[in-house]
Amino acid sequence: MVMPRTTSEKPFAADGAENEDGPRPTLVSAPSAASPELGDRPRRRTFTAADKLRILREVDRVGPGGAGGILRREGLYSSALTDWRRQRDAGAYEALKAVKRGPRCAPIDPVAVEHAQLVRDNKRLALQLRRAEAVIDIQKKVASLLGLPIVSDEES
């Protein structure tokens, strides 16, 4: 197709003014910079576990006929609901519940508790025995200095 030749001496009007060939398109300049509201690239939407469970409850409540409206409103495909139902049935959302922070406590083993108690008792009794033997040795030395006869329990 051959473009018709214009004979007008006026340059093209930027405001869409009419000439003999009809209205000219309005010229729009390019934006000077990209919009600050738009990101560099599209981001994938993420749903929290609470959002997923809320949407599943809504879809289950309306039945098979009304699920399409909810999917359109949320911008979802039906395959996402299938995946979320599978995760819900497998108990994957139970792992997302709030848990107590900090180190995990190991289950208490009653044998280990008894062993620790016996070790503490053994140390305490060994210390008492050493102190008692030291007192007895001092009593023997005092008795020998005073010239008192020492009677042993074994001789009686």
C-alpha atoms as a PDB file:
ATOM      1  CA  MET A   1       0.000   0.000   0.000  1.00  0.00           C
ATOM      2  CA  VAL A   2       1.325   3.425  -0.940  1.00  0.00           C
ATOM      3  CA  MET A   3       0.942   6.293   1.468  1.00  0.00           C
ATOM      4  CA  PRO A   4      -0.637   9.445   0.038  1.00  0.00           C
ATOM      5  CA  ARG A   5       1.635  12.443  -0.245  1.00  0.00           C
ATOM      6  CA  THR A   6       0.731  15.451   1.835  1.00  0.00           C
ATOM      7  CA  THR A   7       0.966  18.877   0.282  1.00  0.00           C
ATOM      8  CA  SER A   8       0.525  20.933   3.396  1.00  0.00           C
ATOM      9  CA  GLU A   9       3.401  23.212   4.350  1.00  0.00           C
ATOM     10  CA  LYS A  10       2.398  23.024   7.984  1.00  0.00           C
ATOM     11  CA  PRO A  11       4.178  20.448  10.081  1.00  0.00           C
ATOM     12  CA  PHE A  12       2.098  17.743  11.751  1.00  0.00           C
ATOM     13  CA  ALA A  13       0.044  19.132  14.536  1.00  0.00           C
ATOM     14  CA  ALA A  14       0.664  17.660  17.939  1.00  0.00           C
ATOM     15  CA  ASP A  15      -2.852  18.232  19.172  1.00  0.00           C
ATOM     16  CA  GLY A  16      -4.764  16.096  16.684  1.00  0.00           C
ATOM     17  CA  ALA A  17      -5.782  19.012  14.442  1.00  0.00           C
ATOM     18  CA  GLU A  18      -7.558  18.225  11.234  1.00  0.00           C
ATOM     19  CA  ASN A  19      -6.130  18.597   7.750  1.00  0.00           C
ATOM     20  CA  GLU A  20      -7.321  17.473   4.324  1.00  0.00           C
ATOM     21  CA  ASP A  21      -6.604  13.766   5.105  1.00  0.00           C
ATOM     22  CA  GLY A  22      -8.592  13.819   8.336  1.00  0.00           C
ATOM     23  CA  PRO A  23      -7.597  14.131  11.965  1.00  0.00           C
ATOM     24  CA  ARG A  24      -4.009  13.441  12.823  1.00  0.00           C
ATOM     25  CA  PRO A  25      -3.254  11.170  15.787  1.00  0.00           C
ATOM     26  CA  THR A  26      -2.247  12.897  18.957  1.00  0.00           C
ATOM     27  CA  LEU A  27       1.446  12.510  19.686  1.00  0.00           C
ATOM     28  CA  VAL A  28       2.229  11.403  23.202  1.00  0.00           C
ATOM     29  CA  SER A  29       5.736  11.678  24.572  1.00  0.00           C
ATOM     30  CA  ALA A  30       7.292   8.752  26.396  1.00  0.00           C
ATOM     31  CA  PRO A  31       7.387   8.903  30.186  1.00  0.00           C
ATOM     32  CA  SER A  32      10.612  10.348  31.553  1.00  0.00           C
ATOM     33  CA  ALA A  33      11.021   7.601  34.172  1.00  0.00           C
ATOM     34  CA  ALA A  34       9.333   4.354  35.117  1.00  0.00           C
ATOM     35  CA  SER A  35       6.589   4.496  37.695  1.00  0.00           C
ATOM     36  CA  PRO A  36       7.970   4.154  41.237  1.00  0.00           C
ATOM     37  CA  GLU A  37       4.953   2.055  42.205  1.00  0.00           C
ATOM     38  CA  LEU A  38       5.905  -0.775  39.896  1.00  0.00           C
ATOM     39  CA  GLY A  39       8.672  -3.163  40.834  1.00  0.00           C
ATOM     40  CA  ASP A  40      11.512  -4.218  38.597  1.00  0.00           C
ATOM     41  CA  ARG A  41       9.877  -7.535  37.854  1.00  0.00           C
ATOM     42  CA  PRO A  42       6.607  -9.204  38.752  1.00  0.00           C
ATOM     43  CA  ARG A  43       6.472 -10.851  42.144  1.00  0.00           C
ATOM     44  CA  ARG A  44       4.835 -14.168  42.901  1.00  0.00           C
ATOM     45  CA  ARG A  45       1.946 -13.929  45.308  1.00  0.00           C
ATOM     46  CA  THR A  46       2.379 -15.767  48.561  1.00  0.00           C
ATOM     47  CA  PHE A  47      -0.394 -16.858  50.877  1.00  0.00           C
ATOM     48  CA  THR A  48       0.028 -17.480  54.574  1.00  0.00           C
ATOM     49  CA  ALA A  49      -1.259 -20.694  56.072  1.00  0.00           C
ATOM     50  CA  ALA A  50      -4.155 -18.757  57.628  1.00  0.00           C
ATOM     51  CA  ASP A  51      -5.104 -17.303  54.220  1.00  0.00           C
ATOM     52  CA  LYS A  52      -5.028 -20.717  52.586  1.00  0.00           C
ATOM     53  CA  LEU A  53      -7.198 -22.251  55.295  1.00  0.00           C
ATOM     54  CA  ARG A  54      -9.635 -19.298  55.116  1.00  0.00           C
ATOM     55  CA  ILE A  55     -10.032 -19.684  51.350  1.00  0.00           C
ATOM     56  CA  LEU A  56     -10.469 -23.449  51.652  1.00  0.00           C
ATOM     57  CA  ARG A  57     -13.179 -22.961  54.305  1.00  0.00           C
ATOM     58  CA  GLU A  58     -15.013 -20.498  52.058  1.00  0.00           C
ATOM     59  CA  VAL A  59     -14.876 -22.831  49.063  1.00  0.00           C
ATOM     60  CA  ASP A  60     -16.018 -25.802  51.153  1.00  0.00           C
ATOM     61  CA  ARG A  61     -18.902 -23.753  52.573  1.00  0.00           C
ATOM     62  CA  VAL A  62     -20.295 -22.574  49.197  1.00  0.00           C
ATOM     63  CA  GLY A  63     -20.143 -25.960  47.542  1.00  0.00           C
ATOM     64  CA  PRO A  64     -19.165 -26.860  43.981  1.00  0.00           C
ATOM     65  CA  GLY A  65     -21.146 -24.121  42.184  1.00  0.00           C
ATOM     66  CA  GLY A  66     -19.823 -21.044  44.001  1.00  0.00           C
ATOM     67  CA  ALA A  67     -16.133 -21.881  44.045  1.00  0.00           C
ATOM     68  CA  GLY A  68     -15.535 -20.111  40.734  1.00  0.00           C
ATOM     69  CA  GLY A  69     -16.458 -16.716  42.171  1.00  0.00           C
ATOM     70  CA  ILE A  70     -14.079 -17.131  45.060  1.00  0.00           C
ATOM     71  CA  LEU A  71     -11.289 -18.261  42.722  1.00  0.00           C
ATOM     72  CA  ARG A  72     -11.820 -15.204  40.495  1.00  0.00           C
ATOM     73  CA  ARG A  73     -11.943 -12.859  43.484  1.00  0.00           C
ATOM     74  CA  GLU A  74      -8.694 -14.253  44.914  1.00  0.00           C
ATOM     75  CA  GLY A  75      -7.020 -14.620  41.514  1.00  0.00           C
ATOM     76  CA  LEU A  76      -6.405 -18.357  41.899  1.00  0.00           C
ATOM     77  CA  TYR A  77      -6.571 -21.455  39.768  1.00  0.00           C
ATOM     78  CA  SER A  78      -8.418 -24.563  40.887  1.00  0.00           C
ATOM     79  CA  SER A  79      -5.113 -26.475  40.937  1.00  0.00           C
ATOM     80  CA  ALA A  80      -3.987 -24.275  43.850  1.00  0.00           C
ATOM     81  CA  LEU A  81      -7.036 -25.408  45.817  1.00  0.00           C
ATOM     82  CA  THR A  82      -6.204 -29.025  45.022  1.00  0.00           C
ATOM     83  CA  ASP A  83      -2.642 -28.572  46.292  1.00  0.00           C
ATOM     84  CA  TRP A  84      -3.806 -26.738  49.410  1.00  0.00           C
ATOM     85  CA  ARG A  85      -6.364 -29.446  50.203  1.00  0.00           C
ATOM     86  CA  ARG A  86      -3.678 -32.109  49.843  1.00  0.00           C
ATOM     87  CA  GLN A  87      -1.404 -30.167  52.197  1.00  0.00           C
ATOM     88  CA  ARG A  88      -4.229 -29.654  54.686  1.00  0.00           C
ATOM     89  CA  ASP A  89      -5.123 -33.349  54.674  1.00  0.00           C
ATOM     90  CA  ALA A  90      -1.464 -34.311  55.133  1.00  0.00           C
ATOM     91  CA  GLY A  91      -1.244 -32.030  58.178  1.00  0.00           C
ATOM     92  CA  ALA A  92       1.326 -29.660  56.678  1.00  0.00           C
ATOM     93  CA  TYR A  93      -0.376 -26.629  58.239  1.00  0.00           C
ATOM     94  CA  GLU A  94      -0.061 -28.076  61.737  1.00  0.00           C
ATOM     95  CA  ALA A  95       3.678 -27.474  61.498  1.00  0.00           C
ATOM     96  CA  LEU A  96       3.038 -23.755  60.953  1.00  0.00           C
ATOM     97  CA  LYS A  97       1.304 -23.207  64.279  1.00  0.00           C
ATOM     98  CA  ALA A  98       3.014 -21.099  66.922  1.00  0.00           C
ATOM     99  CA  VAL A  99       5.417 -23.075  69.061  1.00  0.00           C
ATOM    100  CA  LYS A 100       7.402 -22.265  72.166  1.00  0.00           C
ATOM    101  CA  ARG A 101      10.726 -20.677  71.272  1.00  0.00           C
ATOM    102  CA  GLY A 102      14.084 -21.759  72.627  1.00  0.00           C
ATOM    103  CA  PRO A 103      15.997 -24.995  72.872  1.00  0.00           C
ATOM    104  CA  ARG A 104      14.008 -28.179  72.786  1.00  0.00           C
ATOM    105  CA  CYS A 105      13.792 -30.083  76.052  1.00  0.00           C
ATOM    106  CA  ALA A 106      14.646 -33.740  75.817  1.00  0.00           C
ATOM    107  CA  PRO A 107      12.124 -36.132  77.320  1.00  0.00           C
ATOM    108  CA  ILE A 108      12.964 -36.992  80.921  1.00  0.00           C
ATOM    109  CA  ASP A 109      14.412 -40.460  81.361  1.00  0.00           C
ATOM    110  CA  PRO A 110      13.573 -41.792  84.865  1.00  0.00           C
ATOM    111  CA  VAL A 111      16.661 -44.020  84.914  1.00  0.00           C
ATOM    112  CA  ALA A 112      18.923 -41.036  84.167  1.00  0.00           C
ATOM    113  CA  VAL A 113      17.221 -38.997  86.903  1.00  0.00           C
ATOM    114  CA  GLU A 114      17.755 -41.796  89.440  1.00  0.00           C
ATOM    115  CA  HIS A 115      21.390 -42.205  88.340  1.00  0.00           C
ATOM    116  CA  ALA A 116      22.063 -38.476  88.802  1.00  0.00           C
ATOM    117  CA  GLN A 117      20.485 -38.566  92.271  1.00  0.00           C
ATOM    118  CA  LEU A 118      22.615 -41.564  93.281  1.00  0.00           C
ATOM    119  CA  VAL A 119      25.803 -39.855  92.044  1.00  0.00           C
ATOM    120  CA  ARG A 120      24.966 -36.738  94.119  1.00  0.00           C
ATOM    121  CA  ASP A 121      24.276 -38.877  97.212  1.00  0.00           C
ATOM    122  CA  ASN A 122      27.540 -40.782  96.704  1.00  0.00           C
ATOM    123  CA  LYS A 123      29.578 -37.544  96.535  1.00  0.00           C
ATOM    124  CA  ARG A 124      27.824 -36.130  99.609  1.00  0.00           C
ATOM    125  CA  LEU A 125      28.383 -39.305 101.639  1.00  0.00           C
ATOM    126  CA  ALA A 126      32.041 -39.578 100.541  1.00  0.00           C
ATOM    127  CA  LEU A 127      32.633 -36.008 101.786  1.00  0.00           C
ATOM    128  CA  GLN A 128      30.943 -36.828 105.117  1.00  0.00           C
ATOM    129  CA  LEU A 129      33.115 -39.939 105.465  1.00  0.00           C
ATOM    130  CA  ARG A 130      36.351 -37.978 104.864  1.00  0.00           C
ATOM    131  CA  ARG A 131      35.329 -35.385 107.469  1.00  0.00           C
ATOM    132  CA  ALA A 132      34.412 -38.069 110.016  1.00  0.00           C
ATOM    133  CA  GLU A 133      37.745 -39.877 109.472  1.00  0.00           C
ATOM    134  CA  ALA A 134      39.615 -36.560 109.911  1.00  0.00           C
ATOM    135  CA  VAL A 135      37.779 -35.911 113.202  1.00  0.00           C
ATOM    136  CA  ILE A 136      38.567 -39.443 114.419  1.00  0.00           C
ATOM    137  CA  ASP A 137      42.280 -39.014 113.546  1.00  0.00           C
ATOM    138  CA  ILE A 138      42.369 -35.729 115.502  1.00  0.00           C
ATOM    139  CA  GLN A 139      40.668 -37.392 118.497  1.00  0.00           C
ATOM    140  CA  LYS A 140      43.255 -40.203 118.461  1.00  0.00           C
ATOM    141  CA  LYS A 141      46.134 -37.699 118.419  1.00  0.00           C
ATOM    142  CA  VAL A 142      44.619 -35.692 121.287  1.00  0.00           C
ATOM    143  CA  ALA A 143      44.084 -38.902 123.297  1.00  0.00           C
ATOM    144  CA  SER A 144      47.691 -39.991 122.741  1.00  0.00           C
ATOM    145  CA  LEU A 145      48.978 -36.536 123.809  1.00  0.00           C
ATOM    146  CA  LEU A 146      46.906 -36.673 126.974  1.00  0.00           C
ATOM    147  CA  GLY A 147      48.002 -40.258 127.661  1.00  0.00           C
ATOM    148  CA  LEU A 148      44.501 -41.699 127.527  1.00  0.00           C
ATOM    149  CA  PRO A 149      44.167 -45.279 126.407  1.00  0.00           C
ATOM    150  CA  ILE A 150      42.554 -45.721 123.013  1.00  0.00           C
ATOM    151  CA  VAL A 151      39.977 -48.464 122.917  1.00  0.00           C
ATOM    152  CA  SER A 152      39.138 -49.732 119.469  1.00  0.00           C
ATOM    153  CA  ASP A 153      35.734 -51.122 118.535  1.00  0.00           C
ATOM    154  CA  GLU A 154      37.419 -54.220 117.155  1.00  0.00           C
ATOM    155  CA  GLU A 155      38.962 -55.157 120.546  1.00  0.00           C
ATOM    156  CA  SER A 156      35.710 -55.051 122.476  1.00  0.00           C
END
